[in-house]
Amino acid sequence: MNPAELKGRKLGRALTKMGKVTREQVHEALSIQKTRKVPIGQLLSELGYCTEHDVAEALAGQAGMAYIDLPALNLSEEAIAAIGAETVQAYQVVPVEFNPSGRKLKIAMKSPDNFRAVDDLRLLMGFTVEAVVADSAAIDAVISQHYATRESVTDVVQGLANDSKFQSLASSSGASIDLDAVMEMAGDNQVIKLLNLVLLQAIKDRASDIHFEPFEHEFKMRYRIDGVLYEMVPPPKHLGPAITSRVKVMANLDIAERRLPQDGRIELQVGGNPVDLRVAVLPTMWGESVVMRVLDRSNVSLELDRVGFREDDLVKFRKLISKPNGIVIVTGPTGSGKTTTLYAALAELNDIGTKILTAEDPVEYDIDGLCQCQINEDANTTFGRLLRSFLRQDPDIILVGEIRDLETAQIAVQASLTGHLVLSTLHTNDAPSSIIRLADLGLEPFLLTATIEGVVAQRLVRTVCPKCKEEYTPKEEELLELALTPADVKDRVFYRGRGCDNCTNSGYRGRMALFEIMEMDDTGRDLVMKEASTNVLREHFRRNGMRSLRECGLLGIYEGQTTIDEVVRETISEE
C-alpha cells in the first residue's frame, strides 16, 4: 500500500485501511484501553487481530514512510560500502540502495521517529537521503553481519593514499586552485567517510577540539582530550584541500574564499545526544587550518553540585551568586572551565522570577529561560554596546562573557551599582591578581571596593584512570616541587595510572576542577583602597580561609584523584 494514503491517520484507522483489522476490533481495543493504559497497537496484537509486523508497517505509514522486508533484499556491495561502520553503529541505520552518480541514498531505520538520523546523514554524507522502516531485529542482523568490524582512521587513510584522482590537488597551497576539482574531491565518498570517522571518534573519545593542520610536507589531524593534544594517523598532504573543503561545506562556509578567516557551526545528534561543532577556518602559509570545537551537552553537567566544588567551597560560591548586586568574577586561562562554572551558576539562578541576560563570544550552550546575545564585531555589537542596552532591559542578573577593556569594565561596574548581579570572566593566574588586573584596565580602587563581591580562580587537572590506577611512592624531587618532604607525607598514599586502552595509555581519564574562592571583606576592601600588592592581598585572604589552587590540588592528590605532575603543571608555586 502507498504510505501516502496512511500518512497522518490514527493507528486504528491505518490498520483498517490496510485491511488488517475491522472497525469492530478497533473499537473493542479502544474500550479495553480505557482501563489498560497501553498502546492500541499492542492491544490489537495481544488480541490476535494483527501481528507486530502489521503494527510496525502502520506506524511507518503514519509517518508517510514505506516499510520494507529487509531480509528479502539483496544488498549490493556498493550500498553496504556507502556508509562507514562507525556511522552505521552511531545512528543504527543501514543503507539499502545507493546511487553514487545521483548522490542518492536510501536507508532503513528501526523507528520513523529517528528523523534526526536522516538530517545528520544528509549533512555528514552530502547525499539526498530517503528513509524507510524495517524490523529492528533485521537491522541488527545486517549491522552485526556487515558492520561488526569498525574501520579505523588508518584503514581509510591507507585506502586514500594511493588514489590517483587526488593527485591534482597536490599543489593547492597557493592562492589559485581549481574550485571544481576541490568540490568534486570534497564530495568523494572516501573523503566523507574519513571525516565522519574522525568526527564520531572524537565525540566518542570525549575530545574538546579537532585540529586539521596543513604544513609544507604534511597534513596533520589532532584531537585535544582532557587538555592534551594527541596526533592521529596523518592523511596524505594533497588530501588537505578536500578535507577542509568538506568541513566548510558542512558548516555552510564559502569554499571559494581561502584568504580570509571564517567561522561556522555544525549541529549533529549522535547517540541521541545533541552535539554542536564550532568551526574556525584560518588561512595559513601552507593552506587552510581548521579547528572544530566539540560542544557535547551530554559530557557537560550544568549543575553546581556536579561542577566539582568541595562542600565548603560550594557553600561559599552559592553565597556569592545569591547576592542581590555586585560583581562575581571567575578567572583562569582559556579552557579551564570558567564558562561551564558560570553556566551552572546561571542554571541554578534561572527561575520564573529572575530575568537573566548574557553577552557572549560565542554563545556556547543554549539554555531555556536565558536571553543570550552573541558578540558580533563586524556589526559593532560589542560587549560595551550590548551592556548599555542590557540596562534598559530590566534585568536581574547579567553575564558578561569576558571583561576585556575599560569600557566593558565600567559598564559592568555601573550595572552592579544600579542593583544588578554581574557575572563575568577574566584571564589571570589566581584570584587576588584579578583586582590588580581590573585596576590596570583603569578602574578606580573605590569602584572596585564598592562592586567586587568575590573572585573564583579555576583550573582543570587530569584525573587518574580508574581502570589502571596503582599506588606508588613519589621521588623526593617530585615532592620538592610541591615544597614537601618525605616526612610530611609519611602516612600518605599516592596514585598514578599505568596506562591502558581505557585511557589511550596516558594514565589519565577525565578531569577535575581546582578552585580558589576569594570572598571580599572589609579589611580586603581597605587593602584594595590602599592599592596593596597581589602578595599582600593573597596573604590576607589566605589568613581568612581562602584555600589556594595548590592547596586544593594537594587535597586531590591525597584523595587519589590526581597526580603531583598535574598539580605542579597547572598551579603556581606559593613560595
Protein backbone atom coordinates (compact mmCIF):
# COMPACT_ATOMS: atom_id res chain seq x y z
CA MET A 1 0.00 0.00 0.00
CA ASN A 2 1.16 3.54 -0.76
CA PRO A 3 2.40 5.09 2.54
CA ALA A 4 0.93 8.47 1.46
CA GLU A 5 -2.55 7.00 1.91
CA LEU A 6 -1.81 6.25 5.59
CA LYS A 7 0.10 9.44 6.45
CA GLY A 8 -1.41 11.32 9.41
CA ARG A 9 -4.13 8.71 10.09
CA LYS A 10 -4.70 7.32 13.58
CA LEU A 11 -3.19 3.86 14.05
CA GLY A 12 -6.55 2.05 14.22
CA ARG A 13 -7.72 3.70 11.01
CA ALA A 14 -4.40 2.95 9.29
CA LEU A 15 -4.68 -0.76 10.18
CA THR A 16 -8.29 -0.78 8.99
CA LYS A 17 -7.29 0.88 5.71
CA MET A 18 -4.60 -1.79 5.28
CA GLY A 19 -7.25 -4.48 5.77
CA LYS A 20 -5.51 -5.94 8.80
CA VAL A 21 -8.33 -5.31 11.32
CA THR A 22 -12.03 -4.39 11.29
CA ARG A 23 -13.63 -1.30 12.84
CA GLU A 24 -15.33 -3.50 15.46
CA GLN A 25 -11.94 -4.90 16.51
CA VAL A 26 -10.50 -1.37 16.82
CA HIS A 27 -13.49 -0.26 18.96
CA GLU A 28 -13.03 -3.35 21.17
CA ALA A 29 -9.36 -2.44 21.67
CA LEU A 30 -10.27 1.20 22.42
CA SER A 31 -12.74 0.13 25.14
CA ILE A 32 -10.06 -2.07 26.74
CA GLN A 33 -7.60 0.84 26.51
CA LYS A 34 -9.80 2.89 28.88
CA THR A 35 -8.84 0.53 31.71
CA ARG A 36 -5.40 -0.57 30.46
CA LYS A 37 -3.16 2.34 29.55
CA VAL A 38 -1.16 0.63 26.79
CA PRO A 39 -0.75 1.49 23.08
CA ILE A 40 -3.62 0.36 20.87
CA GLY A 41 -1.23 -1.45 18.52
CA GLN A 42 -0.03 -3.62 21.40
CA LEU A 43 -3.65 -4.40 22.41
CA LEU A 44 -4.65 -5.40 18.85
CA SER A 45 -1.59 -7.62 18.65
CA GLU A 46 -2.32 -9.24 22.05
CA LEU A 47 -5.93 -9.88 20.99
CA GLY A 48 -4.62 -11.72 17.94
CA TYR A 49 -6.29 -9.41 15.41
CA CYS A 50 -2.98 -8.39 13.79
CA THR A 51 0.74 -9.04 14.08
CA GLU A 52 3.54 -6.83 15.44
CA HIS A 53 4.77 -6.62 11.85
CA ASP A 54 1.39 -5.15 10.81
CA VAL A 55 1.58 -2.56 13.61
CA ALA A 56 5.12 -1.58 12.64
CA GLU A 57 4.06 -1.18 9.00
CA ALA A 58 1.09 1.01 10.03
CA LEU A 59 3.32 3.18 12.27
CA ALA A 60 5.69 3.70 9.34
CA GLY A 61 2.73 4.59 7.13
CA GLN A 62 1.54 7.15 9.70
CA ALA A 63 4.85 8.98 9.15
CA GLY A 64 4.50 8.64 5.37
CA MET A 65 7.33 6.08 5.18
CA ALA A 66 7.46 2.70 3.46
CA TYR A 67 8.01 -0.49 5.49
CA ILE A 68 10.37 -2.99 3.87
CA ASP A 69 11.23 -6.64 4.37
CA LEU A 70 14.98 -6.23 4.88
CA PRO A 71 15.96 -9.96 4.85
CA ALA A 72 14.31 -10.33 1.42
CA LEU A 73 16.52 -7.62 -0.09
CA ASN A 74 19.79 -8.47 -1.78
CA LEU A 75 22.00 -5.62 -0.55
CA SER A 76 24.69 -4.65 -3.05
CA GLU A 77 28.34 -4.22 -2.07
CA GLU A 78 28.09 -0.61 -3.29
CA ALA A 79 25.21 0.10 -0.88
CA ILE A 80 26.94 -1.60 2.06
CA ALA A 81 30.12 0.44 1.45
CA ALA A 82 28.20 3.73 1.17
CA ILE A 83 28.29 4.39 4.93
CA GLY A 84 31.13 3.60 7.32
CA ALA A 85 30.67 1.16 10.20
CA GLU A 86 31.17 3.92 12.79
CA THR A 87 28.31 5.96 11.29
CA VAL A 88 26.01 2.94 10.93
CA GLN A 89 26.52 1.94 14.56
CA ALA A 90 26.14 5.51 15.83
CA TYR A 91 22.79 6.07 14.07
CA GLN A 92 21.52 2.45 14.00
CA VAL A 93 20.60 2.58 10.30
CA VAL A 94 21.66 0.51 7.29
CA PRO A 95 21.96 1.60 3.63
CA VAL A 96 19.72 -0.39 1.30
CA GLU A 97 20.19 1.47 -2.01
CA PHE A 98 22.93 3.81 -3.21
CA ASN A 99 23.15 5.82 -6.42
CA PRO A 100 26.61 7.47 -6.50
CA SER A 101 26.02 9.37 -9.75
CA GLY A 102 22.76 10.88 -8.50
CA ARG A 103 24.16 11.13 -4.93
CA LYS A 104 21.04 9.44 -3.56
CA LEU A 105 20.99 7.11 -0.57
CA LYS A 106 18.12 5.05 0.83
CA ILE A 107 18.45 3.93 4.45
CA ALA A 108 16.42 1.57 6.61
CA MET A 109 15.89 2.53 10.25
CA LYS A 110 14.19 0.97 13.24
CA SER A 111 11.69 3.72 14.01
CA PRO A 112 10.07 6.51 11.98
CA ASP A 113 10.79 8.80 14.96
CA ASN A 114 14.53 8.77 14.18
CA PHE A 115 14.22 11.77 11.83
CA ARG A 116 17.42 13.38 13.19
CA ALA A 117 19.40 10.50 11.67
CA VAL A 118 18.13 11.50 8.21
CA ASP A 119 19.07 15.18 8.76
CA ASP A 120 22.51 14.31 10.13
CA LEU A 121 23.30 11.86 7.33
CA ARG A 122 22.33 14.48 4.73
CA LEU A 123 24.82 16.83 6.40
CA LEU A 124 27.56 14.27 7.04
CA MET A 125 27.34 12.45 3.69
CA GLY A 126 26.24 15.25 1.40
CA PHE A 127 23.65 12.93 -0.20
CA THR A 128 19.91 13.11 -0.78
CA VAL A 129 18.70 10.68 1.88
CA GLU A 130 15.42 8.76 1.73
CA ALA A 131 14.35 6.76 4.78
CA VAL A 132 12.28 3.59 5.08
CA VAL A 133 11.44 1.50 8.13
CA ALA A 134 12.43 -2.13 8.73
CA ASP A 135 12.24 -4.65 11.55
CA SER A 136 14.65 -3.85 14.42
CA ALA A 137 15.99 -7.40 14.64
CA ALA A 138 16.61 -7.47 10.87
CA ILE A 139 18.57 -4.19 11.06
CA ASP A 140 20.63 -5.52 13.99
CA ALA A 141 21.38 -8.68 11.96
CA VAL A 142 22.65 -6.65 8.98
CA ILE A 143 24.78 -4.45 11.27
CA SER A 144 26.34 -7.46 13.00
CA GLN A 145 26.94 -9.19 9.63
CA HIS A 146 28.43 -6.31 7.63
CA TYR A 147 29.49 -3.64 10.14
CA ALA A 148 30.77 -5.58 13.17
CA THR A 149 34.38 -4.67 12.32
CA ARG A 150 34.80 -0.94 12.56
CA GLU A 151 37.11 0.73 10.09
CA SER A 152 39.95 2.65 11.68
CA VAL A 153 41.25 6.02 10.54
CA THR A 154 44.42 4.19 9.48
CA ASP A 155 42.45 1.88 7.13
CA VAL A 156 40.65 4.75 5.42
CA VAL A 157 43.83 6.86 5.12
CA GLN A 158 45.69 3.96 3.51
CA GLY A 159 42.85 3.48 1.04
CA LEU A 160 43.05 7.17 0.08
CA ALA A 161 46.83 7.45 -0.09
CA ASN A 162 47.22 5.71 -3.45
CA ASP A 163 44.08 7.12 -5.10
CA SER A 164 45.33 8.93 -8.22
CA LYS A 165 42.30 11.23 -8.52
CA PHE A 166 43.51 13.29 -5.53
CA GLN A 167 46.94 13.98 -7.03
CA SER A 168 45.64 17.03 -8.94
CA LEU A 169 45.29 18.82 -5.60
CA ALA A 170 48.90 18.20 -4.58
CA SER A 171 49.97 21.79 -5.36
CA SER A 172 46.94 23.50 -3.83
CA SER A 173 48.74 25.56 -1.18
CA GLY A 174 48.84 28.61 -3.45
CA ALA A 175 46.16 31.26 -3.76
CA SER A 176 44.81 29.81 -7.03
CA ILE A 177 43.04 26.45 -7.02
CA ASP A 178 40.71 24.54 -9.30
CA LEU A 179 37.44 25.04 -7.41
CA ASP A 180 35.59 22.39 -9.42
CA ALA A 181 38.28 19.82 -8.62
CA VAL A 182 38.12 20.68 -4.90
CA MET A 183 34.32 20.43 -4.88
CA GLU A 184 34.49 17.04 -6.62
CA MET A 185 37.06 15.72 -4.14
CA ALA A 186 35.16 17.14 -1.15
CA GLY A 187 32.13 15.12 -2.27
CA ASP A 188 34.09 11.90 -2.74
CA ASN A 189 32.68 9.10 -0.59
CA GLN A 190 36.11 8.12 0.78
CA VAL A 191 36.85 11.68 1.96
CA ILE A 192 33.37 11.86 3.53
CA LYS A 193 33.95 8.51 5.24
CA LEU A 194 37.31 9.66 6.66
CA LEU A 195 35.89 12.92 8.00
CA ASN A 196 32.84 11.22 9.54
CA LEU A 197 35.08 8.64 11.17
CA VAL A 198 37.28 11.37 12.65
CA LEU A 199 34.26 13.32 13.95
CA LEU A 200 32.50 10.31 15.51
CA GLN A 201 35.74 9.01 17.02
CA ALA A 202 36.45 12.44 18.53
CA ILE A 203 32.97 12.62 20.09
CA LYS A 204 33.30 9.06 21.41
CA ASP A 205 36.74 9.82 22.92
CA ARG A 206 35.35 12.99 24.59
CA ALA A 207 37.66 15.28 22.60
CA SER A 208 37.15 19.01 23.13
CA ASP A 209 38.80 20.10 19.85
CA ILE A 210 39.67 18.58 16.47
CA HIS A 211 42.57 20.12 14.50
CA PHE A 212 43.23 19.83 10.74
CA GLU A 213 46.59 21.50 10.08
CA PRO A 214 48.45 21.94 6.76
CA PHE A 215 52.26 22.12 6.77
CA GLU A 216 54.83 22.27 3.98
CA HIS A 217 55.24 18.49 3.63
CA GLU A 218 52.37 17.01 5.67
CA PHE A 219 48.76 17.43 6.76
CA LYS A 220 48.14 16.70 10.46
CA MET A 221 44.96 15.67 12.28
CA ARG A 222 44.94 16.03 16.06
CA TYR A 223 42.47 15.73 18.97
CA ARG A 224 42.58 17.52 22.27
CA ILE A 225 41.43 15.17 25.03
CA ASP A 226 41.47 16.30 28.67
CA GLY A 227 43.56 19.32 27.70
CA VAL A 228 46.30 17.36 25.86
CA LEU A 229 46.73 17.07 22.07
CA TYR A 230 47.08 13.60 20.50
CA GLU A 231 48.06 13.08 16.87
CA MET A 232 46.11 10.72 14.60
CA VAL A 233 47.40 8.93 11.52
CA PRO A 234 48.07 11.79 9.08
CA PRO A 235 46.42 11.61 5.63
CA PRO A 236 48.49 12.46 2.54
CA LYS A 237 49.31 16.15 2.23
CA HIS A 238 47.34 16.52 -1.03
CA LEU A 239 44.11 15.45 0.74
CA GLY A 240 44.18 18.63 2.83
CA PRO A 241 42.10 20.84 0.49
CA ALA A 242 39.46 18.11 0.06
CA ILE A 243 39.09 17.59 3.82
CA THR A 244 38.97 21.30 4.70
CA SER A 245 36.54 21.98 1.83
CA ARG A 246 34.25 19.18 3.06
CA VAL A 247 34.22 20.75 6.56
CA LYS A 248 33.41 24.16 5.03
CA VAL A 249 30.53 22.67 3.03
CA MET A 250 29.09 21.08 6.20
CA ALA A 251 29.43 24.39 8.09
CA ASN A 252 27.82 26.44 5.27
CA LEU A 253 31.02 28.42 4.67
CA ASP A 254 32.28 29.88 1.39
CA ILE A 255 34.67 27.26 -0.02
CA ALA A 256 35.86 29.69 -2.71
CA GLU A 257 37.17 32.12 -0.06
CA ARG A 258 40.61 30.91 1.00
CA ARG A 259 42.21 34.22 2.01
CA LEU A 260 40.04 35.26 4.98
CA PRO A 261 39.28 33.55 8.33
CA GLN A 262 35.75 32.11 8.54
CA ASP A 263 33.61 30.83 11.41
CA GLY A 264 30.71 28.39 11.17
CA ARG A 265 28.70 25.81 13.04
CA ILE A 266 27.64 22.18 12.52
CA GLU A 267 24.81 20.66 14.56
CA LEU A 268 24.57 16.89 14.93
CA GLN A 269 22.65 14.34 17.02
CA VAL A 270 24.98 11.47 17.94
CA GLY A 271 23.74 8.59 20.06
CA GLY A 272 20.63 10.60 20.94
CA ASN A 273 22.73 13.50 22.29
CA PRO A 274 22.94 16.95 20.65
CA VAL A 275 26.50 17.81 19.61
CA ASP A 276 27.50 21.27 18.43
CA LEU A 277 30.68 21.71 16.38
CA ARG A 278 32.06 25.27 16.19
CA VAL A 279 34.23 25.56 13.08
CA ALA A 280 37.05 28.11 12.75
CA VAL A 281 38.96 28.30 9.44
CA LEU A 282 42.28 30.17 9.32
CA PRO A 283 44.33 30.78 6.13
CA THR A 284 47.98 29.84 6.75
CA MET A 285 51.12 29.79 4.64
CA TRP A 286 50.50 26.21 3.50
CA GLY A 287 46.72 26.12 3.22
CA GLU A 288 43.71 26.46 5.48
CA SER A 289 43.89 25.34 9.12
CA VAL A 290 40.58 24.15 10.55
CA VAL A 291 39.78 23.76 14.26
CA MET A 292 36.44 22.31 15.38
CA ARG A 293 35.39 22.90 18.99
CA VAL A 294 33.21 19.98 20.12
CA LEU A 295 30.38 21.05 22.43
CA ASP A 296 28.78 17.82 23.62
CA ARG A 297 25.93 18.61 26.01
CA SER A 298 25.91 15.03 27.32
CA ASN A 299 29.51 15.50 28.56
CA VAL A 300 28.80 18.73 30.41
CA SER A 301 26.71 18.82 33.56
CA LEU A 302 25.27 22.29 34.09
CA GLU A 303 24.57 21.66 37.77
CA LEU A 304 26.61 23.30 40.52
CA ASP A 305 26.56 20.10 42.58
CA ARG A 306 28.42 18.33 39.76
CA VAL A 307 30.91 21.00 38.70
CA GLY A 308 33.44 19.71 41.25
CA PHE A 309 33.27 22.15 44.18
CA ARG A 310 34.20 20.82 47.60
CA GLU A 311 31.36 21.16 50.10
CA ASP A 312 32.74 24.24 51.85
CA ASP A 313 33.65 25.89 48.51
CA LEU A 314 30.15 25.19 47.16
CA VAL A 315 28.61 26.95 50.17
CA LYS A 316 30.88 29.97 49.55
CA PHE A 317 30.11 30.09 45.82
CA ARG A 318 26.36 29.81 46.33
CA LYS A 319 26.61 32.65 48.85
CA LEU A 320 28.39 34.82 46.25
CA ILE A 321 25.89 34.22 43.44
CA SER A 322 22.94 34.74 45.79
CA LYS A 323 23.87 38.38 46.44
CA PRO A 324 21.35 40.93 45.08
CA ASN A 325 24.04 43.02 43.36
CA GLY A 326 27.77 43.30 42.84
CA ILE A 327 30.31 41.64 40.56
CA VAL A 328 31.42 37.99 40.80
CA ILE A 329 34.38 37.05 38.61
CA VAL A 330 35.59 33.60 37.53
CA THR A 331 39.20 33.70 36.38
CA GLY A 332 41.62 31.31 34.75
CA PRO A 333 43.30 30.53 31.41
CA THR A 334 41.43 29.53 28.24
CA GLY A 335 39.94 26.05 28.56
CA SER A 336 39.92 25.98 32.36
CA GLY A 337 36.13 25.50 32.63
CA LYS A 338 35.17 29.09 33.53
CA THR A 339 32.19 29.15 31.15
CA THR A 340 30.87 25.81 32.44
CA THR A 341 31.00 27.07 36.03
CA LEU A 342 29.15 30.28 35.10
CA TYR A 343 26.53 28.37 33.08
CA ALA A 344 25.97 26.06 36.06
CA ALA A 345 25.52 29.14 38.28
CA LEU A 346 23.02 30.66 35.82
CA ALA A 347 21.15 27.34 35.54
CA GLU A 348 20.70 27.39 39.33
CA LEU A 349 19.63 31.05 39.38
CA ASN A 350 17.31 30.63 36.38
CA ASP A 351 13.70 30.70 37.59
CA ILE A 352 10.45 32.32 36.57
CA GLY A 353 11.06 35.33 38.82
CA THR A 354 14.53 36.20 37.52
CA LYS A 355 15.44 37.98 34.28
CA ILE A 356 18.89 36.89 33.07
CA LEU A 357 20.74 38.44 30.10
CA THR A 358 24.06 37.21 28.71
CA ALA A 359 26.60 38.76 26.32
CA GLU A 360 28.88 36.02 24.98
CA ASP A 361 31.53 35.48 22.32
CA PRO A 362 30.41 32.94 21.22
CA VAL A 363 27.21 31.58 22.81
CA GLU A 364 28.40 28.08 23.75
CA TYR A 365 25.25 26.46 25.13
CA ASP A 366 21.61 27.40 24.57
CA ILE A 367 19.74 27.45 27.89
CA ASP A 368 15.97 27.85 28.13
CA GLY A 369 14.91 30.92 30.09
CA LEU A 370 18.03 32.99 29.35
CA CYS A 371 18.20 35.85 26.84
CA GLN A 372 21.57 35.09 25.23
CA CYS A 373 23.26 37.59 22.90
CA GLN A 374 26.14 36.94 20.53
CA ILE A 375 29.01 39.42 20.13
CA ASN A 376 29.46 40.49 16.50
CA GLU A 377 32.37 42.88 15.99
CA ASP A 378 31.58 43.28 12.27
CA ALA A 379 28.13 44.67 13.14
CA ASN A 380 29.67 46.71 16.00
CA THR A 381 27.80 44.55 18.54
CA THR A 382 30.50 44.72 21.22
CA PHE A 383 30.36 43.84 24.91
CA GLY A 384 30.12 47.52 25.78
CA ARG A 385 27.31 48.25 23.36
CA LEU A 386 25.30 45.20 24.44
CA LEU A 387 25.73 46.01 28.14
CA ARG A 388 24.42 49.55 27.65
CA SER A 389 21.32 48.06 26.00
CA PHE A 390 21.02 45.44 28.77
CA LEU A 391 20.48 48.15 31.38
CA ARG A 392 17.30 49.18 29.55
CA GLN A 393 16.02 45.57 29.51
CA ASP A 394 15.13 45.41 33.24
CA PRO A 395 17.50 42.51 34.07
CA ASP A 396 18.18 40.99 37.50
CA ILE A 397 21.38 39.16 36.54
CA ILE A 398 23.83 39.93 33.71
CA LEU A 399 26.55 37.62 32.39
CA VAL A 400 29.42 39.31 30.56
CA GLY A 401 31.44 36.70 28.67
CA GLU A 402 34.72 38.49 29.39
CA ILE A 403 35.87 41.86 30.73
CA ARG A 404 38.35 42.77 28.00
CA ASP A 405 38.63 46.55 28.19
CA LEU A 406 37.90 49.60 30.31
CA GLU A 407 34.57 50.33 28.60
CA THR A 408 33.19 46.85 29.43
CA ALA A 409 34.56 47.07 32.98
CA GLN A 410 32.98 50.49 33.57
CA ILE A 411 29.54 49.40 32.35
CA ALA A 412 29.75 46.20 34.45
CA VAL A 413 30.50 48.39 37.48
CA GLN A 414 27.64 50.74 36.59
CA ALA A 415 25.26 47.75 36.29
CA SER A 416 26.28 46.38 39.69
CA LEU A 417 25.93 49.81 41.33
CA THR A 418 22.38 50.13 39.98
CA GLY A 419 21.26 46.92 41.67
CA HIS A 420 22.22 44.10 39.30
CA LEU A 421 24.29 40.99 39.90
CA VAL A 422 27.04 40.81 37.24
CA LEU A 423 28.91 37.57 36.50
CA SER A 424 31.99 37.65 34.29
CA THR A 425 35.39 36.13 33.49
CA LEU A 426 38.99 37.33 33.39
CA HIS A 427 42.34 35.82 32.43
CA THR A 428 44.64 35.94 35.48
CA ASN A 429 46.85 33.44 37.35
CA ASP A 430 44.89 33.45 40.61
CA ALA A 431 42.02 35.20 42.40
CA PRO A 432 43.92 38.13 44.06
CA SER A 433 45.58 39.01 40.72
CA SER A 434 42.13 39.87 39.31
CA ILE A 435 41.93 43.02 41.46
CA ILE A 436 45.24 44.28 40.07
CA ARG A 437 44.18 43.36 36.53
CA LEU A 438 40.98 45.43 36.81
CA ALA A 439 42.96 48.31 38.25
CA ASP A 440 45.37 48.04 35.30
CA LEU A 441 42.41 48.35 32.93
CA GLY A 442 41.73 51.75 34.54
CA LEU A 443 39.03 51.11 37.17
CA GLU A 444 39.32 53.32 40.26
CA PRO A 445 40.01 51.49 43.58
CA PHE A 446 36.85 52.94 45.18
CA LEU A 447 34.73 51.41 42.38
CA LEU A 448 36.40 48.02 42.89
CA THR A 449 35.73 48.06 46.64
CA ALA A 450 32.10 49.07 46.05
CA THR A 451 31.32 46.37 43.49
CA ILE A 452 33.55 43.27 43.69
CA GLU A 453 31.90 40.65 45.90
CA GLY A 454 34.18 37.73 45.14
CA VAL A 455 36.60 36.13 42.70
CA VAL A 456 36.86 32.43 41.86
CA ALA A 457 40.08 31.17 40.26
CA GLN A 458 39.79 27.84 38.46
CA ARG A 459 41.99 25.19 36.83
CA LEU A 460 41.37 21.76 35.35
CA VAL A 461 43.71 18.84 36.12
CA ARG A 462 43.53 15.36 34.66
CA THR A 463 42.29 12.59 36.95
CA VAL A 464 43.92 9.18 37.35
CA CYS A 465 42.37 6.47 35.16
CA PRO A 466 40.29 4.21 37.45
CA LYS A 467 40.99 1.11 35.29
CA CYS A 468 44.81 1.20 35.67
CA LYS A 469 45.16 3.11 38.93
CA GLU A 470 48.08 1.92 41.12
CA GLU A 471 49.84 3.01 44.30
CA TYR A 472 53.39 4.31 44.09
CA THR A 473 55.96 6.16 46.17
CA PRO A 474 56.90 9.56 44.70
CA LYS A 475 60.57 10.53 44.40
CA GLU A 476 61.96 13.22 46.65
CA GLU A 477 62.38 15.57 43.66
CA GLU A 478 58.65 15.29 42.89
CA LEU A 479 57.74 16.17 46.47
CA LEU A 480 60.14 19.14 46.45
CA GLU A 481 58.16 20.64 43.54
CA LEU A 482 55.25 20.89 45.99
CA ALA A 483 57.55 22.10 48.81
CA LEU A 484 57.05 18.78 50.64
CA THR A 485 59.49 16.34 52.25
CA PRO A 486 59.13 12.56 52.69
CA ALA A 487 58.46 13.23 56.39
CA ASP A 488 55.47 15.47 55.50
CA VAL A 489 53.77 12.65 53.58
CA LYS A 490 54.90 9.68 55.66
CA ASP A 491 51.39 8.24 56.08
CA ARG A 492 50.03 9.35 52.72
CA VAL A 493 49.23 7.08 49.75
CA PHE A 494 49.92 8.36 46.22
CA TYR A 495 48.40 7.03 42.99
CA ARG A 496 49.15 7.13 39.29
CA GLY A 497 47.84 5.41 36.13
CA ARG A 498 49.89 2.67 34.47
CA GLY A 499 48.27 3.32 31.10
CA CYS A 500 45.64 1.13 29.41
CA ASP A 501 43.19 1.07 26.47
CA ASN A 502 40.60 2.93 28.55
CA CYS A 503 42.87 6.00 28.81
CA THR A 504 44.79 5.62 25.49
CA ASN A 505 47.84 4.66 27.60
CA SER A 506 48.09 8.12 29.16
CA GLY A 507 47.26 7.04 32.74
CA TYR A 508 44.57 9.73 32.92
CA ARG A 509 40.84 9.67 32.21
CA GLY A 510 38.68 12.78 32.64
CA ARG A 511 39.42 16.00 34.52
CA MET A 512 38.56 17.61 37.83
CA ALA A 513 38.40 21.29 38.78
CA LEU A 514 40.55 23.08 41.34
CA PHE A 515 39.05 26.22 42.88
CA GLU A 516 40.35 29.24 44.80
CA ILE A 517 37.48 31.32 46.19
CA MET A 518 38.23 34.84 47.42
CA GLU A 519 35.32 36.45 49.30
CA MET A 520 35.74 40.19 49.65
CA ASP A 521 35.62 41.51 53.26
CA ASP A 522 36.05 44.94 54.88
CA THR A 523 39.78 44.53 55.53
CA GLY A 524 40.26 43.33 51.95
CA ARG A 525 38.42 46.42 50.69
CA ASP A 526 40.71 48.66 52.77
CA LEU A 527 43.75 46.95 51.22
CA VAL A 528 42.32 47.50 47.71
CA MET A 529 41.73 51.20 48.52
CA LYS A 530 45.37 51.43 49.62
CA GLU A 531 46.38 49.77 46.32
CA ALA A 532 48.08 46.88 48.11
CA SER A 533 50.11 44.39 46.06
CA THR A 534 48.87 40.97 44.96
CA ASN A 535 51.06 39.25 47.59
CA VAL A 536 49.59 41.36 50.41
CA LEU A 537 46.04 40.64 49.22
CA ARG A 538 46.81 36.92 48.87
CA GLU A 539 48.23 36.69 52.40
CA HIS A 540 45.23 38.46 53.88
CA PHE A 541 42.61 36.28 52.16
CA ARG A 542 44.51 33.07 52.94
CA ARG A 543 44.57 34.02 56.63
CA ASN A 544 40.80 34.47 56.35
CA GLY A 545 40.13 30.98 54.98
CA MET A 546 40.85 31.15 51.24
CA ARG A 547 42.17 27.79 50.00
CA SER A 548 44.72 28.31 47.23
CA LEU A 549 44.70 26.42 43.94
CA ARG A 550 47.77 24.44 45.00
CA GLU A 551 46.22 23.52 48.35
CA CYS A 552 43.10 22.35 46.52
CA GLY A 553 45.34 20.32 44.22
CA LEU A 554 47.13 18.74 47.20
CA LEU A 555 43.79 17.59 48.60
CA GLY A 556 43.07 15.98 45.21
CA ILE A 557 46.46 14.21 45.31
CA TYR A 558 45.92 12.93 48.86
CA GLU A 559 42.47 11.62 47.89
CA GLY A 560 43.97 9.68 44.97
CA GLN A 561 42.12 11.69 42.31
CA THR A 562 45.08 13.28 40.51
CA THR A 563 48.88 13.28 40.44
CA ILE A 564 51.73 15.51 41.55
CA ASP A 565 52.72 16.20 37.91
CA GLU A 566 49.25 17.53 37.07
CA VAL A 567 49.02 19.85 40.09
CA VAL A 568 52.54 21.21 39.53
CA ARG A 569 51.75 21.82 35.83
CA GLU A 570 48.51 23.73 36.49
CA THR A 571 49.17 25.70 39.70
CA ILE A 572 51.74 28.31 40.66
CA SER A 573 54.28 27.92 43.46
CA GLU A 574 53.47 29.56 46.79
CA GLU A 575 56.98 30.47 47.83
